[in-house]
Amino acid sequence: MMIPQKVADRLNEQVNHEYFAFWTYTAMAYALESMDLKAYAKWFFMQAAEEKEHAEKISDYLLDQGAKVTLKSLSEPQANFTSVQEIVEKALEHEKKVTGQVHEILALSRSENDPATENFIGWKVAEQVEEVASVEYLLTLTKTASTQRDLFMLEGKVGKLVAAQKGH
């Protein structure tokens, strides 16, 4: 194995965190579907797919380094929400938490003198800046809605965000 065991263990934890994020965003998307907010739901389904890709990318790196991938059971994600704003706020909390986790991996790779992982995890550090900014923007938009009608009006704007992300 070319990667320090401590780093491999921490990356395995992150794989599981990324799959939990996939699960969480999928639950949020279904909650939004049930509110008939199709563009919001599509945005969250896209985020979920991205989180799954992150888990797979980290898993591939572990395998390339000669380490094993260890999947653990996931806890049940929150599925009941009182509002769209609550969903987006929870998503923002989650992205900030993941940013901290990624920074921990970066610090660990440095302390374990693992330049390969330090280089690898750089994509995720940059990705988290983008993720937090994206959710913060969605929250800013969402807070402008004071009625259900306003939310339906925002659907067009959110739909444009989805289209822009697909082209990204």
C-alpha atoms as a PDB file:
ATOM      1  CA  MET A   1       0.000   0.000   0.000  1.00  0.00           C
ATOM      2  CA  MET A   2       1.434   3.362  -1.010  1.00  0.00           C
ATOM      3  CA  ILE A   3      -0.747   5.466   1.291  1.00  0.00           C
ATOM      4  CA  PRO A   4      -0.363   5.778   5.083  1.00  0.00           C
ATOM      5  CA  GLN A   5      -3.002   3.675   6.875  1.00  0.00           C
ATOM      6  CA  LYS A   6      -4.270   6.701   8.862  1.00  0.00           C
ATOM      7  CA  VAL A   7      -4.901   8.569   5.612  1.00  0.00           C
ATOM      8  CA  ALA A   8      -6.562   5.549   3.980  1.00  0.00           C
ATOM      9  CA  ASP A   9      -8.838   5.162   7.018  1.00  0.00           C
ATOM     10  CA  ARG A  10      -9.787   8.851   6.926  1.00  0.00           C
ATOM     11  CA  LEU A  11     -10.472   8.724   3.178  1.00  0.00           C
ATOM     12  CA  ASN A  12     -12.699   5.695   3.751  1.00  0.00           C
ATOM     13  CA  GLU A  13     -14.641   7.733   6.305  1.00  0.00           C
ATOM     14  CA  GLN A  14     -15.013  10.443   3.673  1.00  0.00           C
ATOM     15  CA  VAL A  15     -16.317   7.958   1.123  1.00  0.00           C
ATOM     16  CA  ASN A  16     -19.060   7.119   3.594  1.00  0.00           C
ATOM     17  CA  HIS A  17     -19.712  10.829   4.283  1.00  0.00           C
ATOM     18  CA  GLU A  18     -20.076  11.432   0.538  1.00  0.00           C
ATOM     19  CA  TYR A  19     -22.538   8.556   0.185  1.00  0.00           C
ATOM     20  CA  PHE A  20     -24.495   9.944   3.135  1.00  0.00           C
ATOM     21  CA  ALA A  21     -24.550  13.323   1.357  1.00  0.00           C
ATOM     22  CA  PHE A  22     -25.911  11.541  -1.731  1.00  0.00           C
ATOM     23  CA  TRP A  23     -28.587   9.954   0.434  1.00  0.00           C
ATOM     24  CA  THR A  24     -29.375  13.262   2.195  1.00  0.00           C
ATOM     25  CA  TYR A  25     -29.692  15.288  -1.016  1.00  0.00           C
ATOM     26  CA  THR A  26     -31.875  12.572  -2.525  1.00  0.00           C
ATOM     27  CA  ALA A  27     -34.213  12.790   0.497  1.00  0.00           C
ATOM     28  CA  MET A  28     -34.290  16.588   0.141  1.00  0.00           C
ATOM     29  CA  ALA A  29     -35.086  16.271  -3.565  1.00  0.00           C
ATOM     30  CA  TYR A  30     -38.025  13.970  -2.857  1.00  0.00           C
ATOM     31  CA  ALA A  31     -39.305  16.373  -0.198  1.00  0.00           C
ATOM     32  CA  LEU A  32     -39.187  19.169  -2.795  1.00  0.00           C
ATOM     33  CA  GLU A  33     -40.928  16.939  -5.356  1.00  0.00           C
ATOM     34  CA  SER A  34     -43.730  16.464  -2.844  1.00  0.00           C
ATOM     35  CA  MET A  35     -44.014  20.283  -2.632  1.00  0.00           C
ATOM     36  CA  ASP A  36     -44.363  20.379  -6.448  1.00  0.00           C
ATOM     37  CA  LEU A  37     -41.103  22.326  -6.748  1.00  0.00           C
ATOM     38  CA  LYS A  38     -39.667  20.394  -9.690  1.00  0.00           C
ATOM     39  CA  ALA A  39     -36.723  22.699 -10.476  1.00  0.00           C
ATOM     40  CA  TYR A  40     -35.607  22.770  -6.844  1.00  0.00           C
ATOM     41  CA  ALA A  41     -35.925  18.981  -6.753  1.00  0.00           C
ATOM     42  CA  LYS A  42     -33.889  18.651  -9.940  1.00  0.00           C
ATOM     43  CA  TRP A  43     -31.167  20.870  -8.446  1.00  0.00           C
ATOM     44  CA  PHE A  44     -30.973  18.589  -5.390  1.00  0.00           C
ATOM     45  CA  PHE A  45     -31.005  15.428  -7.512  1.00  0.00           C
ATOM     46  CA  MET A  46     -28.052  16.885  -9.442  1.00  0.00           C
ATOM     47  CA  GLN A  47     -26.258  17.617  -6.173  1.00  0.00           C
ATOM     48  CA  ALA A  48     -26.938  14.058  -5.031  1.00  0.00           C
ATOM     49  CA  ALA A  49     -25.415  12.646  -8.215  1.00  0.00           C
ATOM     50  CA  GLU A  50     -22.366  14.852  -7.709  1.00  0.00           C
ATOM     51  CA  GLU A  51     -21.895  13.570  -4.154  1.00  0.00           C
ATOM     52  CA  LYS A  52     -22.022   9.984  -5.437  1.00  0.00           C
ATOM     53  CA  GLU A  53     -19.354  10.890  -8.014  1.00  0.00           C
ATOM     54  CA  HIS A  54     -17.194  12.288  -5.204  1.00  0.00           C
ATOM     55  CA  ALA A  55     -17.500   9.018  -3.256  1.00  0.00           C
ATOM     56  CA  GLU A  56     -16.531   7.059  -6.355  1.00  0.00           C
ATOM     57  CA  LYS A  57     -13.572   9.339  -7.123  1.00  0.00           C
ATOM     58  CA  ILE A  58     -12.185   8.965  -3.598  1.00  0.00           C
ATOM     59  CA  SER A  59     -12.794   5.194  -3.753  1.00  0.00           C
ATOM     60  CA  ASP A  60     -10.911   4.959  -7.051  1.00  0.00           C
ATOM     61  CA  TYR A  61      -8.010   6.880  -5.521  1.00  0.00           C
ATOM     62  CA  LEU A  62      -7.895   4.499  -2.553  1.00  0.00           C
ATOM     63  CA  LEU A  63      -7.809   1.514  -4.894  1.00  0.00           C
ATOM     64  CA  ASP A  64      -5.122   3.140  -7.041  1.00  0.00           C
ATOM     65  CA  GLN A  65      -3.067   3.548  -3.864  1.00  0.00           C
ATOM     66  CA  GLY A  66      -3.434  -0.146  -3.013  1.00  0.00           C
ATOM     67  CA  ALA A  67      -5.869   0.442  -0.163  1.00  0.00           C
ATOM     68  CA  LYS A  68      -9.236  -1.182   0.418  1.00  0.00           C
ATOM     69  CA  VAL A  69     -12.560   0.628   0.223  1.00  0.00           C
ATOM     70  CA  THR A  70     -14.687  -0.011   3.295  1.00  0.00           C
ATOM     71  CA  LEU A  71     -18.354   0.912   3.086  1.00  0.00           C
ATOM     72  CA  LYS A  72     -20.368   1.185   6.265  1.00  0.00           C
ATOM     73  CA  SER A  73     -24.088   1.408   6.859  1.00  0.00           C
ATOM     74  CA  LEU A  74     -25.580   4.869   6.528  1.00  0.00           C
ATOM     75  CA  SER A  75     -27.921   6.460   9.006  1.00  0.00           C
ATOM     76  CA  GLU A  76     -31.337   7.538   7.839  1.00  0.00           C
ATOM     77  CA  PRO A  77     -31.338  11.040   6.370  1.00  0.00           C
ATOM     78  CA  GLN A  78     -33.821  13.649   7.511  1.00  0.00           C
ATOM     79  CA  ALA A  79     -36.861  13.424   5.267  1.00  0.00           C
ATOM     80  CA  ASN A  80     -39.410  15.747   6.879  1.00  0.00           C
ATOM     81  CA  PHE A  81     -38.962  19.465   6.425  1.00  0.00           C
ATOM     82  CA  THR A  82     -41.202  22.411   7.223  1.00  0.00           C
ATOM     83  CA  SER A  83     -40.123  24.610   4.306  1.00  0.00           C
ATOM     84  CA  VAL A  84     -37.911  24.990   1.263  1.00  0.00           C
ATOM     85  CA  GLN A  85     -35.787  27.446   3.218  1.00  0.00           C
ATOM     86  CA  GLU A  86     -35.170  24.816   5.909  1.00  0.00           C
ATOM     87  CA  ILE A  87     -34.014  22.340   3.243  1.00  0.00           C
ATOM     88  CA  VAL A  88     -31.587  24.815   1.700  1.00  0.00           C
ATOM     89  CA  GLU A  89     -30.304  25.900   5.120  1.00  0.00           C
ATOM     90  CA  LYS A  90     -29.640  22.244   6.030  1.00  0.00           C
ATOM     91  CA  ALA A  91     -27.833  21.792   2.714  1.00  0.00           C
ATOM     92  CA  LEU A  92     -25.639  24.791   3.490  1.00  0.00           C
ATOM     93  CA  GLU A  93     -24.866  23.440   6.975  1.00  0.00           C
ATOM     94  CA  HIS A  94     -23.960  20.140   5.375  1.00  0.00           C
ATOM     95  CA  GLU A  95     -21.628  21.703   2.793  1.00  0.00           C
ATOM     96  CA  LYS A  96     -19.852  23.683   5.498  1.00  0.00           C
ATOM     97  CA  LYS A  97     -19.427  20.473   7.505  1.00  0.00           C
ATOM     98  CA  VAL A  98     -17.983  18.677   4.460  1.00  0.00           C
ATOM     99  CA  THR A  99     -15.590  21.585   3.899  1.00  0.00           C
ATOM    100  CA  GLY A 100     -14.253  21.037   7.415  1.00  0.00           C
ATOM    101  CA  GLN A 101     -13.895  17.309   6.748  1.00  0.00           C
ATOM    102  CA  VAL A 102     -11.927  17.962   3.569  1.00  0.00           C
ATOM    103  CA  HIS A 103      -9.648  20.397   5.365  1.00  0.00           C
ATOM    104  CA  GLU A 104      -9.003  17.668   7.970  1.00  0.00           C
ATOM    105  CA  ILE A 105      -7.943  15.284   5.185  1.00  0.00           C
ATOM    106  CA  LEU A 106      -5.612  17.912   3.766  1.00  0.00           C
ATOM    107  CA  ALA A 107      -4.041  18.530   7.190  1.00  0.00           C
ATOM    108  CA  LEU A 108      -3.698  14.783   7.837  1.00  0.00           C
ATOM    109  CA  SER A 109      -2.054  14.172   4.471  1.00  0.00           C
ATOM    110  CA  ARG A 110       0.457  16.900   5.305  1.00  0.00           C
ATOM    111  CA  SER A 111       1.156  15.602   8.811  1.00  0.00           C
ATOM    112  CA  GLU A 112       1.584  12.055   7.456  1.00  0.00           C
ATOM    113  CA  ASN A 113       3.950  13.302   4.733  1.00  0.00           C
ATOM    114  CA  ASP A 114       1.628  12.018   1.992  1.00  0.00           C
ATOM    115  CA  PRO A 115       2.094  14.391  -0.965  1.00  0.00           C
ATOM    116  CA  ALA A 116       0.043  12.202  -3.319  1.00  0.00           C
ATOM    117  CA  THR A 117      -3.079  12.538  -1.170  1.00  0.00           C
ATOM    118  CA  GLU A 118      -2.363  16.213  -0.546  1.00  0.00           C
ATOM    119  CA  ASN A 119      -2.292  16.725  -4.312  1.00  0.00           C
ATOM    120  CA  PHE A 120      -5.349  14.512  -4.875  1.00  0.00           C
ATOM    121  CA  ILE A 121      -7.562  16.202  -2.270  1.00  0.00           C
ATOM    122  CA  GLY A 122      -6.887  19.632  -3.765  1.00  0.00           C
ATOM    123  CA  TRP A 123      -9.735  19.115  -6.258  1.00  0.00           C
ATOM    124  CA  LYS A 124     -12.138  18.626  -3.345  1.00  0.00           C
ATOM    125  CA  VAL A 125     -10.904  21.733  -1.524  1.00  0.00           C
ATOM    126  CA  ALA A 126     -11.681  23.794  -4.649  1.00  0.00           C
ATOM    127  CA  GLU A 127     -14.958  21.926  -5.167  1.00  0.00           C
ATOM    128  CA  GLN A 128     -16.132  22.832  -1.663  1.00  0.00           C
ATOM    129  CA  VAL A 129     -15.598  26.546  -2.284  1.00  0.00           C
ATOM    130  CA  GLU A 130     -17.889  26.206  -5.298  1.00  0.00           C
ATOM    131  CA  GLU A 131     -20.419  24.034  -3.431  1.00  0.00           C
ATOM    132  CA  VAL A 132     -20.785  26.434  -0.502  1.00  0.00           C
ATOM    133  CA  ALA A 133     -21.127  29.433  -2.831  1.00  0.00           C
ATOM    134  CA  SER A 134     -23.761  27.636  -4.910  1.00  0.00           C
ATOM    135  CA  VAL A 135     -25.892  26.713  -1.896  1.00  0.00           C
ATOM    136  CA  GLU A 136     -25.479  30.181  -0.392  1.00  0.00           C
ATOM    137  CA  TYR A 137     -26.810  31.666  -3.646  1.00  0.00           C
ATOM    138  CA  LEU A 138     -29.757  29.251  -3.658  1.00  0.00           C
ATOM    139  CA  LEU A 139     -30.504  30.229  -0.051  1.00  0.00           C
ATOM    140  CA  THR A 140     -30.367  33.941  -0.932  1.00  0.00           C
ATOM    141  CA  LEU A 141     -32.845  33.323  -3.747  1.00  0.00           C
ATOM    142  CA  THR A 142     -35.089  31.214  -1.534  1.00  0.00           C
ATOM    143  CA  LYS A 143     -35.204  33.857   1.201  1.00  0.00           C
ATOM    144  CA  THR A 144     -36.701  36.325  -1.287  1.00  0.00           C
ATOM    145  CA  ALA A 145     -39.843  34.187  -1.444  1.00  0.00           C
ATOM    146  CA  SER A 146     -42.427  35.085   1.151  1.00  0.00           C
ATOM    147  CA  THR A 147     -45.303  33.066  -0.329  1.00  0.00           C
ATOM    148  CA  GLN A 148     -45.817  29.768  -2.122  1.00  0.00           C
ATOM    149  CA  ARG A 149     -46.522  31.786  -5.271  1.00  0.00           C
ATOM    150  CA  ASP A 150     -43.093  33.434  -4.940  1.00  0.00           C
ATOM    151  CA  LEU A 151     -41.483  29.992  -4.724  1.00  0.00           C
ATOM    152  CA  PHE A 152     -43.215  28.902  -7.909  1.00  0.00           C
ATOM    153  CA  MET A 153     -41.963  32.099  -9.567  1.00  0.00           C
ATOM    154  CA  LEU A 154     -38.418  31.229  -8.423  1.00  0.00           C
ATOM    155  CA  GLU A 155     -38.704  27.832 -10.078  1.00  0.00           C
ATOM    156  CA  GLY A 156     -37.750  29.436 -13.405  1.00  0.00           C
ATOM    157  CA  LYS A 157     -34.589  30.944 -11.909  1.00  0.00           C
ATOM    158  CA  VAL A 158     -33.671  27.660 -10.233  1.00  0.00           C
ATOM    159  CA  GLY A 159     -34.308  25.848 -13.514  1.00  0.00           C
ATOM    160  CA  LYS A 160     -31.751  28.153 -15.148  1.00  0.00           C
ATOM    161  CA  LEU A 161     -29.262  27.261 -12.395  1.00  0.00           C
ATOM    162  CA  VAL A 162     -29.813  23.584 -13.146  1.00  0.00           C
ATOM    163  CA  ALA A 163     -29.269  24.157 -16.849  1.00  0.00           C
ATOM    164  CA  ALA A 164     -26.118  26.160 -16.158  1.00  0.00           C
ATOM    165  CA  GLN A 165     -24.741  23.449 -13.891  1.00  0.00           C
ATOM    166  CA  LYS A 166     -25.390  20.779 -16.518  1.00  0.00           C
ATOM    167  CA  GLY A 167     -23.350  22.809 -18.980  1.00  0.00           C
ATOM    168  CA  HIS A 168     -20.605  23.387 -16.381  1.00  0.00           C
END
